[in-house]
């Protein structure tokens, strides 16, 4: 057996030094699949959309388009379609507000009052996802139909006139948006509320705080991460939605998603469609950044 002298032994820390570059490369290899996925399905499509927004507007589907960096497309798209753009943001904001009110009550009840029924109620919240988005919206078209029980009830109590209706109105579109995106609000709110230590609320009561004061001083601030996450998950897809306006509304309730779809598939005006899509993305990004900065929490920043 050959003895190893202290002079021949490797210096302390040499093995760890050789392992450091290997550990760094391991991190990059783990990130690589996600980076490739984002590159293929986000960066490349976004570049294609941005290039489309800079097409020569004089081109066509038949003759082809050239990227001429025609920035005038953005001005023209905003001038021609500002009304459905503003309407979409307004509908999305109202739907987000109603989702927040309804979703907070539901999430609060599940987190603090449901007891052993908690898991069942959570399953019922996500159950609509087991059905197609299109089928759910078509169901609301039947519910809000002119001969449906909702309209008949509202007419019976004289909230609607005898010839009043809900379909093809902003009420129907916002109701559809609220219903379809309500789970996106409930789940983040429940995740935040469920983490709140009940002893904090009890301590507020011990300090002579009323239930309302305890809610606004303890429960509401601690649930803000869920509020911020839920409102973002609701507002962003609602602003770009076009199914609800198409099935539950009329041409007077067209949202920007309907306009973009028509420009791409019917009119064939790719330049205007791309420019309007980029404008919508920029507006939503600006609103999200402003919102997070103003009411966001440290967990989200």
C-alpha atoms as a PDB file:
ATOM      1  CA  UNK A   1       0.000   0.000   0.000  1.00  0.00           C
ATOM      2  CA  UNK A   2       1.450   3.334  -1.051  1.00  0.00           C
ATOM      3  CA  UNK A   3       1.369   6.008   1.585  1.00  0.00           C
ATOM      4  CA  UNK A   4       0.496   9.548   0.626  1.00  0.00           C
ATOM      5  CA  UNK A   5       2.652  12.204   2.119  1.00  0.00           C
ATOM      6  CA  UNK A   6       1.286  15.584   3.105  1.00  0.00           C
ATOM      7  CA  UNK A   7       3.190  17.092   0.142  1.00  0.00           C
ATOM      8  CA  UNK A   8       1.392  14.744  -2.305  1.00  0.00           C
ATOM      9  CA  UNK A   9      -2.118  15.264  -0.867  1.00  0.00           C
ATOM     10  CA  UNK A  10      -4.363  17.662  -2.849  1.00  0.00           C
ATOM     11  CA  UNK A  11      -4.746  21.039  -1.236  1.00  0.00           C
ATOM     12  CA  UNK A  12      -7.873  21.607   0.824  1.00  0.00           C
ATOM     13  CA  UNK A  13     -10.699  23.100  -1.207  1.00  0.00           C
ATOM     14  CA  UNK A  14      -9.295  22.004  -4.575  1.00  0.00           C
ATOM     15  CA  UNK A  15     -12.208  19.630  -5.209  1.00  0.00           C
ATOM     16  CA  UNK A  16     -14.710  22.305  -4.233  1.00  0.00           C
ATOM     17  CA  UNK A  17     -13.008  24.727  -6.608  1.00  0.00           C
ATOM     18  CA  UNK A  18     -13.384  22.281  -9.490  1.00  0.00           C
ATOM     19  CA  UNK A  19     -17.061  21.741  -8.638  1.00  0.00           C
ATOM     20  CA  UNK A  20     -18.009  25.431  -8.697  1.00  0.00           C
ATOM     21  CA  UNK A  21     -17.941  25.874 -12.519  1.00  0.00           C
ATOM     22  CA  UNK A  22     -19.859  22.614 -12.838  1.00  0.00           C
ATOM     23  CA  UNK A  23     -22.569  23.848 -10.454  1.00  0.00           C
ATOM     24  CA  UNK A  24     -22.841  27.115 -12.407  1.00  0.00           C
ATOM     25  CA  UNK A  25     -23.303  25.219 -15.673  1.00  0.00           C
ATOM     26  CA  UNK A  26     -25.952  23.032 -14.043  1.00  0.00           C
ATOM     27  CA  UNK A  27     -28.042  26.125 -13.318  1.00  0.00           C
ATOM     28  CA  UNK A  28     -27.817  27.240 -16.958  1.00  0.00           C
ATOM     29  CA  UNK A  29     -28.815  23.778 -18.190  1.00  0.00           C
ATOM     30  CA  UNK A  30     -31.870  23.842 -15.918  1.00  0.00           C
ATOM     31  CA  UNK A  31     -32.927  27.238 -17.272  1.00  0.00           C
ATOM     32  CA  UNK A  32     -32.329  26.256 -20.904  1.00  0.00           C
ATOM     33  CA  UNK A  33     -35.680  24.447 -21.539  1.00  0.00           C
ATOM     34  CA  UNK A  34     -37.675  27.397 -20.199  1.00  0.00           C
ATOM     35  CA  UNK A  35     -35.529  29.844 -22.207  1.00  0.00           C
ATOM     36  CA  UNK A  36     -36.067  27.840 -25.410  1.00  0.00           C
ATOM     37  CA  UNK A  37     -39.812  27.662 -24.730  1.00  0.00           C
ATOM     38  CA  UNK A  38     -40.061  31.423 -24.172  1.00  0.00           C
ATOM     39  CA  UNK A  39     -37.944  32.098 -27.233  1.00  0.00           C
ATOM     40  CA  UNK A  40     -40.092  29.941 -29.533  1.00  0.00           C
ATOM     41  CA  UNK A  41     -43.519  30.846 -28.192  1.00  0.00           C
ATOM     42  CA  UNK A  42     -43.041  34.422 -26.951  1.00  0.00           C
ATOM     43  CA  UNK A  43     -40.035  36.199 -28.464  1.00  0.00           C
ATOM     44  CA  UNK A  44     -40.488  34.891 -32.017  1.00  0.00           C
ATOM     45  CA  UNK A  45     -44.268  35.563 -32.157  1.00  0.00           C
ATOM     46  CA  UNK A  46     -43.779  38.994 -30.592  1.00  0.00           C
ATOM     47  CA  UNK A  47     -41.115  39.863 -33.172  1.00  0.00           C
ATOM     48  CA  UNK A  48     -43.443  38.672 -35.938  1.00  0.00           C
ATOM     49  CA  UNK A  49     -46.284  40.807 -34.550  1.00  0.00           C
ATOM     50  CA  UNK A  50     -44.025  43.845 -34.248  1.00  0.00           C
ATOM     51  CA  UNK A  51     -42.834  43.368 -37.829  1.00  0.00           C
ATOM     52  CA  UNK A  52     -46.458  43.050 -38.965  1.00  0.00           C
ATOM     53  CA  UNK A  53     -47.312  46.353 -37.309  1.00  0.00           C
ATOM     54  CA  UNK A  54     -44.606  48.016 -39.443  1.00  0.00           C
ATOM     55  CA  UNK A  55     -45.821  46.605 -42.770  1.00  0.00           C
ATOM     56  CA  UNK A  56     -46.433  48.866 -45.736  1.00  0.00           C
ATOM     57  CA  UNK A  57     -50.205  49.515 -45.522  1.00  0.00           C
ATOM     58  CA  UNK A  58     -50.428  49.519 -49.323  1.00  0.00           C
ATOM     59  CA  UNK A  59     -49.640  45.805 -49.423  1.00  0.00           C
ATOM     60  CA  UNK A  60     -52.220  43.026 -49.401  1.00  0.00           C
ATOM     61  CA  UNK A  61     -52.587  39.328 -48.767  1.00  0.00           C
ATOM     62  CA  UNK A  62     -52.301  38.655 -52.495  1.00  0.00           C
ATOM     63  CA  UNK A  63     -49.401  40.959 -53.354  1.00  0.00           C
ATOM     64  CA  UNK A  64     -47.588  40.512 -50.060  1.00  0.00           C
ATOM     65  CA  UNK A  65     -46.312  42.984 -47.469  1.00  0.00           C
ATOM     66  CA  UNK A  66     -42.963  44.657 -46.995  1.00  0.00           C
ATOM     67  CA  UNK A  67     -41.556  45.858 -43.680  1.00  0.00           C
ATOM     68  CA  UNK A  68     -41.113  49.563 -44.410  1.00  0.00           C
ATOM     69  CA  UNK A  69     -41.102  50.720 -40.760  1.00  0.00           C
ATOM     70  CA  UNK A  70     -44.330  52.589 -41.387  1.00  0.00           C
ATOM     71  CA  UNK A  71     -44.847  53.989 -37.879  1.00  0.00           C
ATOM     72  CA  UNK A  72     -47.860  55.873 -39.168  1.00  0.00           C
ATOM     73  CA  UNK A  73     -49.756  52.569 -38.775  1.00  0.00           C
ATOM     74  CA  UNK A  74     -49.946  53.145 -35.016  1.00  0.00           C
ATOM     75  CA  UNK A  75     -51.405  56.628 -35.395  1.00  0.00           C
ATOM     76  CA  UNK A  76     -53.945  55.464 -37.961  1.00  0.00           C
ATOM     77  CA  UNK A  77     -54.982  52.431 -35.899  1.00  0.00           C
ATOM     78  CA  UNK A  78     -55.447  54.535 -32.781  1.00  0.00           C
ATOM     79  CA  UNK A  79     -57.442  57.154 -34.684  1.00  0.00           C
ATOM     80  CA  UNK A  80     -59.698  54.588 -36.366  1.00  0.00           C
ATOM     81  CA  UNK A  81     -60.284  52.189 -33.500  1.00  0.00           C
ATOM     82  CA  UNK A  82     -59.948  54.173 -30.277  1.00  0.00           C
ATOM     83  CA  UNK A  83     -63.577  53.588 -29.363  1.00  0.00           C
ATOM     84  CA  UNK A  84     -63.452  49.752 -29.135  1.00  0.00           C
ATOM     85  CA  UNK A  85     -60.072  50.112 -27.414  1.00  0.00           C
ATOM     86  CA  UNK A  86     -61.498  52.353 -24.691  1.00  0.00           C
ATOM     87  CA  UNK A  87     -64.612  50.174 -24.500  1.00  0.00           C
ATOM     88  CA  UNK A  88     -62.487  47.073 -23.936  1.00  0.00           C
ATOM     89  CA  UNK A  89     -60.547  48.692 -21.111  1.00  0.00           C
ATOM     90  CA  UNK A  90     -63.783  49.922 -19.526  1.00  0.00           C
ATOM     91  CA  UNK A  91     -65.500  46.525 -19.765  1.00  0.00           C
ATOM     92  CA  UNK A  92     -62.406  44.795 -18.385  1.00  0.00           C
ATOM     93  CA  UNK A  93     -62.162  47.249 -15.486  1.00  0.00           C
ATOM     94  CA  UNK A  94     -65.843  46.777 -14.556  1.00  0.00           C
ATOM     95  CA  UNK A  95     -65.602  42.990 -14.838  1.00  0.00           C
ATOM     96  CA  UNK A  96     -62.473  43.047 -12.666  1.00  0.00           C
ATOM     97  CA  UNK A  97     -64.260  45.139 -10.035  1.00  0.00           C
ATOM     98  CA  UNK A  98     -67.247  42.787  -9.899  1.00  0.00           C
ATOM     99  CA  UNK A  99     -64.927  39.770  -9.794  1.00  0.00           C
ATOM    100  CA  UNK A 100     -63.055  41.363  -6.888  1.00  0.00           C
ATOM    101  CA  UNK A 101     -66.237  42.006  -4.892  1.00  0.00           C
ATOM    102  CA  UNK A 102     -67.772  38.597  -5.551  1.00  0.00           C
ATOM    103  CA  UNK A 103     -64.478  36.725  -5.451  1.00  0.00           C
ATOM    104  CA  UNK A 104     -63.360  38.258  -2.161  1.00  0.00           C
ATOM    105  CA  UNK A 105     -66.585  37.273  -0.415  1.00  0.00           C
ATOM    106  CA  UNK A 106     -66.359  33.743  -1.808  1.00  0.00           C
ATOM    107  CA  UNK A 107     -62.657  33.341  -1.031  1.00  0.00           C
ATOM    108  CA  UNK A 108     -63.167  34.702   2.494  1.00  0.00           C
ATOM    109  CA  UNK A 109     -66.012  32.264   3.122  1.00  0.00           C
ATOM    110  CA  UNK A 110     -63.961  29.322   1.867  1.00  0.00           C
ATOM    111  CA  UNK A 111     -60.854  30.292   3.839  1.00  0.00           C
ATOM    112  CA  UNK A 112     -62.482  31.092   7.200  1.00  0.00           C
ATOM    113  CA  UNK A 113     -66.019  29.689   7.260  1.00  0.00           C
ATOM    114  CA  UNK A 114     -66.134  26.578   5.071  1.00  0.00           C
ATOM    115  CA  UNK A 115     -64.589  24.130   7.537  1.00  0.00           C
ATOM    116  CA  UNK A 116     -64.649  20.582   6.198  1.00  0.00           C
ATOM    117  CA  UNK A 117     -66.423  21.765   3.031  1.00  0.00           C
ATOM    118  CA  UNK A 118     -63.378  23.784   1.962  1.00  0.00           C
ATOM    119  CA  UNK A 119     -62.051  21.284  -0.590  1.00  0.00           C
ATOM    120  CA  UNK A 120     -65.487  20.748  -2.111  1.00  0.00           C
ATOM    121  CA  UNK A 121     -66.015  24.483  -2.557  1.00  0.00           C
ATOM    122  CA  UNK A 122     -62.598  24.860  -4.188  1.00  0.00           C
ATOM    123  CA  UNK A 123     -63.480  22.092  -6.638  1.00  0.00           C
ATOM    124  CA  UNK A 124     -66.720  23.895  -7.437  1.00  0.00           C
ATOM    125  CA  UNK A 125     -64.747  27.094  -8.137  1.00  0.00           C
ATOM    126  CA  UNK A 126     -62.494  25.395 -10.691  1.00  0.00           C
ATOM    127  CA  UNK A 127     -65.224  23.106 -12.074  1.00  0.00           C
ATOM    128  CA  UNK A 128     -66.149  25.543 -14.900  1.00  0.00           C
ATOM    129  CA  UNK A 129     -62.652  25.024 -16.330  1.00  0.00           C
ATOM    130  CA  UNK A 130     -63.660  21.440 -17.100  1.00  0.00           C
ATOM    131  CA  UNK A 131     -65.961  22.862 -19.787  1.00  0.00           C
ATOM    132  CA  UNK A 132     -65.015  24.791 -22.900  1.00  0.00           C
ATOM    133  CA  UNK A 133     -64.896  28.588 -22.624  1.00  0.00           C
ATOM    134  CA  UNK A 134     -67.142  28.748 -25.695  1.00  0.00           C
ATOM    135  CA  UNK A 135     -69.787  26.446 -24.204  1.00  0.00           C
ATOM    136  CA  UNK A 136     -69.864  28.430 -20.959  1.00  0.00           C
ATOM    137  CA  UNK A 137     -70.440  31.661 -22.883  1.00  0.00           C
ATOM    138  CA  UNK A 138     -73.148  30.071 -25.020  1.00  0.00           C
ATOM    139  CA  UNK A 139     -74.847  28.969 -21.799  1.00  0.00           C
ATOM    140  CA  UNK A 140     -75.028  32.591 -20.706  1.00  0.00           C
ATOM    141  CA  UNK A 141     -76.602  33.419 -24.048  1.00  0.00           C
ATOM    142  CA  UNK A 142     -79.433  31.035 -23.150  1.00  0.00           C
ATOM    143  CA  UNK A 143     -79.697  32.304 -19.567  1.00  0.00           C
ATOM    144  CA  UNK A 144     -79.927  35.945 -20.648  1.00  0.00           C
ATOM    145  CA  UNK A 145     -82.140  35.238 -23.653  1.00  0.00           C
ATOM    146  CA  UNK A 146     -85.199  37.383 -24.303  1.00  0.00           C
ATOM    147  CA  UNK A 147     -87.518  34.537 -23.231  1.00  0.00           C
ATOM    148  CA  UNK A 148     -85.303  33.344 -20.385  1.00  0.00           C
ATOM    149  CA  UNK A 149     -86.253  33.334 -16.716  1.00  0.00           C
ATOM    150  CA  UNK A 150     -83.838  36.156 -15.870  1.00  0.00           C
ATOM    151  CA  UNK A 151     -85.443  38.608 -18.282  1.00  0.00           C
ATOM    152  CA  UNK A 152     -88.950  37.446 -17.346  1.00  0.00           C
ATOM    153  CA  UNK A 153     -88.202  37.945 -13.642  1.00  0.00           C
ATOM    154  CA  UNK A 154     -86.744  41.422 -14.179  1.00  0.00           C
ATOM    155  CA  UNK A 155     -89.764  42.357 -16.273  1.00  0.00           C
ATOM    156  CA  UNK A 156     -92.118  41.031 -13.595  1.00  0.00           C
ATOM    157  CA  UNK A 157     -90.566  43.258 -10.935  1.00  0.00           C
ATOM    158  CA  UNK A 158     -90.475  46.172 -13.422  1.00  0.00           C
ATOM    159  CA  UNK A 159     -86.702  46.488 -13.486  1.00  0.00           C
ATOM    160  CA  UNK A 160     -86.897  45.888 -17.242  1.00  0.00           C
ATOM    161  CA  UNK A 161     -89.654  47.235 -19.441  1.00  0.00           C
ATOM    162  CA  UNK A 162     -92.014  44.867 -21.247  1.00  0.00           C
ATOM    163  CA  UNK A 163     -89.825  44.993 -24.362  1.00  0.00           C
ATOM    164  CA  UNK A 164     -86.535  45.243 -22.468  1.00  0.00           C
ATOM    165  CA  UNK A 165     -83.687  42.797 -22.991  1.00  0.00           C
ATOM    166  CA  UNK A 166     -80.259  41.895 -21.653  1.00  0.00           C
ATOM    167  CA  UNK A 167     -78.638  40.296 -24.663  1.00  0.00           C
ATOM    168  CA  UNK A 168     -76.792  42.636 -27.038  1.00  0.00           C
ATOM    169  CA  UNK A 169     -76.170  45.086 -24.194  1.00  0.00           C
ATOM    170  CA  UNK A 170     -73.081  46.003 -22.162  1.00  0.00           C
ATOM    171  CA  UNK A 171     -74.694  44.278 -19.168  1.00  0.00           C
ATOM    172  CA  UNK A 172     -74.575  40.907 -20.915  1.00  0.00           C
ATOM    173  CA  UNK A 173     -70.958  41.343 -22.038  1.00  0.00           C
ATOM    174  CA  UNK A 174     -69.739  42.415 -18.594  1.00  0.00           C
ATOM    175  CA  UNK A 175     -71.729  39.613 -16.947  1.00  0.00           C
ATOM    176  CA  UNK A 176     -70.110  37.081 -19.263  1.00  0.00           C
ATOM    177  CA  UNK A 177     -66.651  38.464 -18.567  1.00  0.00           C
ATOM    178  CA  UNK A 178     -67.291  38.435 -14.817  1.00  0.00           C
ATOM    179  CA  UNK A 179     -68.466  34.839 -14.826  1.00  0.00           C
ATOM    180  CA  UNK A 180     -65.751  33.468 -17.094  1.00  0.00           C
ATOM    181  CA  UNK A 181     -62.860  35.112 -15.240  1.00  0.00           C
ATOM    182  CA  UNK A 182     -64.173  34.858 -11.662  1.00  0.00           C
ATOM    183  CA  UNK A 183     -62.046  31.754 -10.829  1.00  0.00           C
ATOM    184  CA  UNK A 184     -58.898  33.699 -11.758  1.00  0.00           C
ATOM    185  CA  UNK A 185     -59.794  36.103  -8.957  1.00  0.00           C
ATOM    186  CA  UNK A 186     -60.956  33.604  -6.349  1.00  0.00           C
ATOM    187  CA  UNK A 187     -57.921  31.318  -6.331  1.00  0.00           C
ATOM    188  CA  UNK A 188     -55.220  33.976  -5.662  1.00  0.00           C
ATOM    189  CA  UNK A 189     -57.449  35.587  -3.037  1.00  0.00           C
ATOM    190  CA  UNK A 190     -58.005  32.266  -1.313  1.00  0.00           C
ATOM    191  CA  UNK A 191     -54.259  31.540  -1.330  1.00  0.00           C
ATOM    192  CA  UNK A 192     -53.579  34.847   0.454  1.00  0.00           C
ATOM    193  CA  UNK A 193     -56.468  34.647   2.908  1.00  0.00           C
ATOM    194  CA  UNK A 194     -55.741  31.045   3.839  1.00  0.00           C
ATOM    195  CA  UNK A 195     -52.228  32.027   4.985  1.00  0.00           C
ATOM    196  CA  UNK A 196     -53.481  34.679   7.424  1.00  0.00           C
ATOM    197  CA  UNK A 197     -53.006  33.689  11.047  1.00  0.00           C
ATOM    198  CA  UNK A 198     -56.403  33.845  12.728  1.00  0.00           C
ATOM    199  CA  UNK A 199     -54.780  34.901  15.969  1.00  0.00           C
ATOM    200  CA  UNK A 200     -53.984  38.276  14.409  1.00  0.00           C
ATOM    201  CA  UNK A 201     -57.680  38.932  13.847  1.00  0.00           C
ATOM    202  CA  UNK A 202     -58.442  37.774  17.378  1.00  0.00           C
ATOM    203  CA  UNK A 203     -55.765  40.137  18.704  1.00  0.00           C
ATOM    204  CA  UNK A 204     -57.418  43.032  16.867  1.00  0.00           C
ATOM    205  CA  UNK A 205     -60.691  42.156  18.606  1.00  0.00           C
ATOM    206  CA  UNK A 206     -58.914  41.968  21.960  1.00  0.00           C
ATOM    207  CA  UNK A 207     -57.679  45.504  21.318  1.00  0.00           C
ATOM    208  CA  UNK A 208     -61.317  46.641  20.984  1.00  0.00           C
ATOM    209  CA  UNK A 209     -61.328  46.859  17.187  1.00  0.00           C
ATOM    210  CA  UNK A 210     -64.735  46.388  15.593  1.00  0.00           C
ATOM    211  CA  UNK A 211     -65.061  43.581  12.998  1.00  0.00           C
ATOM    212  CA  UNK A 212     -65.032  46.149  10.184  1.00  0.00           C
ATOM    213  CA  UNK A 213     -61.956  47.909  11.576  1.00  0.00           C
ATOM    214  CA  UNK A 214     -60.184  44.591  12.118  1.00  0.00           C
ATOM    215  CA  UNK A 215     -60.914  43.663   8.522  1.00  0.00           C
ATOM    216  CA  UNK A 216     -59.503  46.878   7.027  1.00  0.00           C
ATOM    217  CA  UNK A 217     -56.533  47.015   9.413  1.00  0.00           C
ATOM    218  CA  UNK A 218     -55.549  43.321   9.427  1.00  0.00           C
ATOM    219  CA  UNK A 219     -57.285  41.099   6.876  1.00  0.00           C
ATOM    220  CA  UNK A 220     -57.313  43.447   3.890  1.00  0.00           C
ATOM    221  CA  UNK A 221     -53.608  44.477   4.054  1.00  0.00           C
ATOM    222  CA  UNK A 222     -52.489  40.866   4.506  1.00  0.00           C
ATOM    223  CA  UNK A 223     -54.576  39.767   1.518  1.00  0.00           C
ATOM    224  CA  UNK A 224     -53.201  42.416  -0.837  1.00  0.00           C
ATOM    225  CA  UNK A 225     -50.885  39.977  -2.679  1.00  0.00           C
ATOM    226  CA  UNK A 226     -53.959  37.986  -3.656  1.00  0.00           C
ATOM    227  CA  UNK A 227     -55.866  41.140  -4.590  1.00  0.00           C
ATOM    228  CA  UNK A 228     -53.073  42.345  -6.860  1.00  0.00           C
ATOM    229  CA  UNK A 229     -52.512  38.929  -8.419  1.00  0.00           C
ATOM    230  CA  UNK A 230     -56.219  38.304  -8.927  1.00  0.00           C
ATOM    231  CA  UNK A 231     -56.943  41.683 -10.501  1.00  0.00           C
ATOM    232  CA  UNK A 232     -54.043  41.263 -12.932  1.00  0.00           C
ATOM    233  CA  UNK A 233     -55.079  37.721 -13.872  1.00  0.00           C
ATOM    234  CA  UNK A 234     -58.613  38.999 -14.490  1.00  0.00           C
ATOM    235  CA  UNK A 235     -58.047  42.354 -16.172  1.00  0.00           C
ATOM    236  CA  UNK A 236     -55.375  41.325 -18.676  1.00  0.00           C
ATOM    237  CA  UNK A 237     -57.278  38.484 -20.421  1.00  0.00           C
ATOM    238  CA  UNK A 238     -60.601  40.327 -20.104  1.00  0.00           C
ATOM    239  CA  UNK A 239     -59.230  43.339 -21.994  1.00  0.00           C
ATOM    240  CA  UNK A 240     -58.279  41.163 -24.957  1.00  0.00           C
ATOM    241  CA  UNK A 241     -61.343  38.927 -24.922  1.00  0.00           C
ATOM    242  CA  UNK A 242     -63.612  38.805 -27.957  1.00  0.00           C
ATOM    243  CA  UNK A 243     -65.805  35.732 -27.385  1.00  0.00           C
ATOM    244  CA  UNK A 244     -68.147  37.396 -24.876  1.00  0.00           C
ATOM    245  CA  UNK A 245     -68.664  40.499 -27.010  1.00  0.00           C
ATOM    246  CA  UNK A 246     -69.231  38.351 -30.084  1.00  0.00           C
ATOM    247  CA  UNK A 247     -71.807  36.015 -28.520  1.00  0.00           C
ATOM    248  CA  UNK A 248     -73.459  38.202 -25.879  1.00  0.00           C
ATOM    249  CA  UNK A 249     -73.144  41.638 -27.449  1.00  0.00           C
ATOM    250  CA  UNK A 250     -73.905  43.439 -30.674  1.00  0.00           C
ATOM    251  CA  UNK A 251     -71.786  45.571 -33.039  1.00  0.00           C
ATOM    252  CA  UNK A 252     -72.266  48.401 -30.545  1.00  0.00           C
ATOM    253  CA  UNK A 253     -70.410  46.369 -27.895  1.00  0.00           C
ATOM    254  CA  UNK A 254     -67.498  45.286 -30.072  1.00  0.00           C
ATOM    255  CA  UNK A 255     -64.245  45.057 -28.155  1.00  0.00           C
ATOM    256  CA  UNK A 256     -60.756  45.553 -29.497  1.00  0.00           C
ATOM    257  CA  UNK A 257     -60.288  41.780 -29.737  1.00  0.00           C
ATOM    258  CA  UNK A 258     -63.184  41.611 -32.211  1.00  0.00           C
ATOM    259  CA  UNK A 259     -61.621  44.383 -34.292  1.00  0.00           C
ATOM    260  CA  UNK A 260     -58.218  42.680 -34.382  1.00  0.00           C
ATOM    261  CA  UNK A 261     -59.805  39.373 -35.339  1.00  0.00           C
ATOM    262  CA  UNK A 262     -61.746  40.978 -38.201  1.00  0.00           C
ATOM    263  CA  UNK A 263     -58.686  42.846 -39.446  1.00  0.00           C
ATOM    264  CA  UNK A 264     -56.645  39.658 -39.530  1.00  0.00           C
ATOM    265  CA  UNK A 265     -59.239  37.184 -40.837  1.00  0.00           C
ATOM    266  CA  UNK A 266     -61.853  39.187 -42.774  1.00  0.00           C
ATOM    267  CA  UNK A 267     -60.440  42.500 -43.948  1.00  0.00           C
ATOM    268  CA  UNK A 268     -56.892  41.246 -44.411  1.00  0.00           C
ATOM    269  CA  UNK A 269     -55.412  44.512 -43.152  1.00  0.00           C
ATOM    270  CA  UNK A 270     -52.435  42.958 -41.392  1.00  0.00           C
ATOM    271  CA  UNK A 271     -50.661  46.257 -40.822  1.00  0.00           C
ATOM    272  CA  UNK A 272     -53.571  47.795 -38.904  1.00  0.00           C
ATOM    273  CA  UNK A 273     -54.212  44.550 -36.994  1.00  0.00           C
ATOM    274  CA  UNK A 274     -50.578  44.300 -35.935  1.00  0.00           C
ATOM    275  CA  UNK A 275     -50.395  47.954 -34.939  1.00  0.00           C
ATOM    276  CA  UNK A 276     -53.602  47.723 -32.890  1.00  0.00           C
ATOM    277  CA  UNK A 277     -52.314  44.571 -31.162  1.00  0.00           C
ATOM    278  CA  UNK A 278     -49.047  46.272 -30.206  1.00  0.00           C
ATOM    279  CA  UNK A 279     -50.927  49.335 -28.936  1.00  0.00           C
ATOM    280  CA  UNK A 280     -53.115  47.118 -26.742  1.00  0.00           C
ATOM    281  CA  UNK A 281     -50.062  45.318 -25.350  1.00  0.00           C
ATOM    282  CA  UNK A 282     -48.263  48.576 -24.575  1.00  0.00           C
ATOM    283  CA  UNK A 283     -51.319  50.098 -22.870  1.00  0.00           C
ATOM    284  CA  UNK A 284     -51.874  47.000 -20.720  1.00  0.00           C
ATOM    285  CA  UNK A 285     -48.175  46.848 -19.811  1.00  0.00           C
ATOM    286  CA  UNK A 286     -48.184  50.515 -18.796  1.00  0.00           C
ATOM    287  CA  UNK A 287     -51.341  50.069 -16.716  1.00  0.00           C
ATOM    288  CA  UNK A 288     -49.945  46.974 -15.014  1.00  0.00           C
ATOM    289  CA  UNK A 289     -46.657  48.670 -14.116  1.00  0.00           C
ATOM    290  CA  UNK A 290     -48.482  51.724 -12.783  1.00  0.00           C
ATOM    291  CA  UNK A 291     -50.900  49.562 -10.804  1.00  0.00           C
ATOM    292  CA  UNK A 292     -48.198  47.420  -9.220  1.00  0.00           C
ATOM    293  CA  UNK A 293     -46.154  50.475  -8.291  1.00  0.00           C
ATOM    294  CA  UNK A 294     -49.117  52.169  -6.655  1.00  0.00           C
ATOM    295  CA  UNK A 295     -50.865  49.319  -4.854  1.00  0.00           C
ATOM    296  CA  UNK A 296     -48.499  46.380  -5.224  1.00  0.00           C
ATOM    297  CA  UNK A 297     -46.784  44.631  -2.363  1.00  0.00           C
ATOM    298  CA  UNK A 298     -43.179  43.675  -1.726  1.00  0.00           C
ATOM    299  CA  UNK A 299     -43.962  40.064  -2.637  1.00  0.00           C
ATOM    300  CA  UNK A 300     -44.804  41.116  -6.186  1.00  0.00           C
ATOM    301  CA  UNK A 301     -42.137  43.751  -6.798  1.00  0.00           C
END
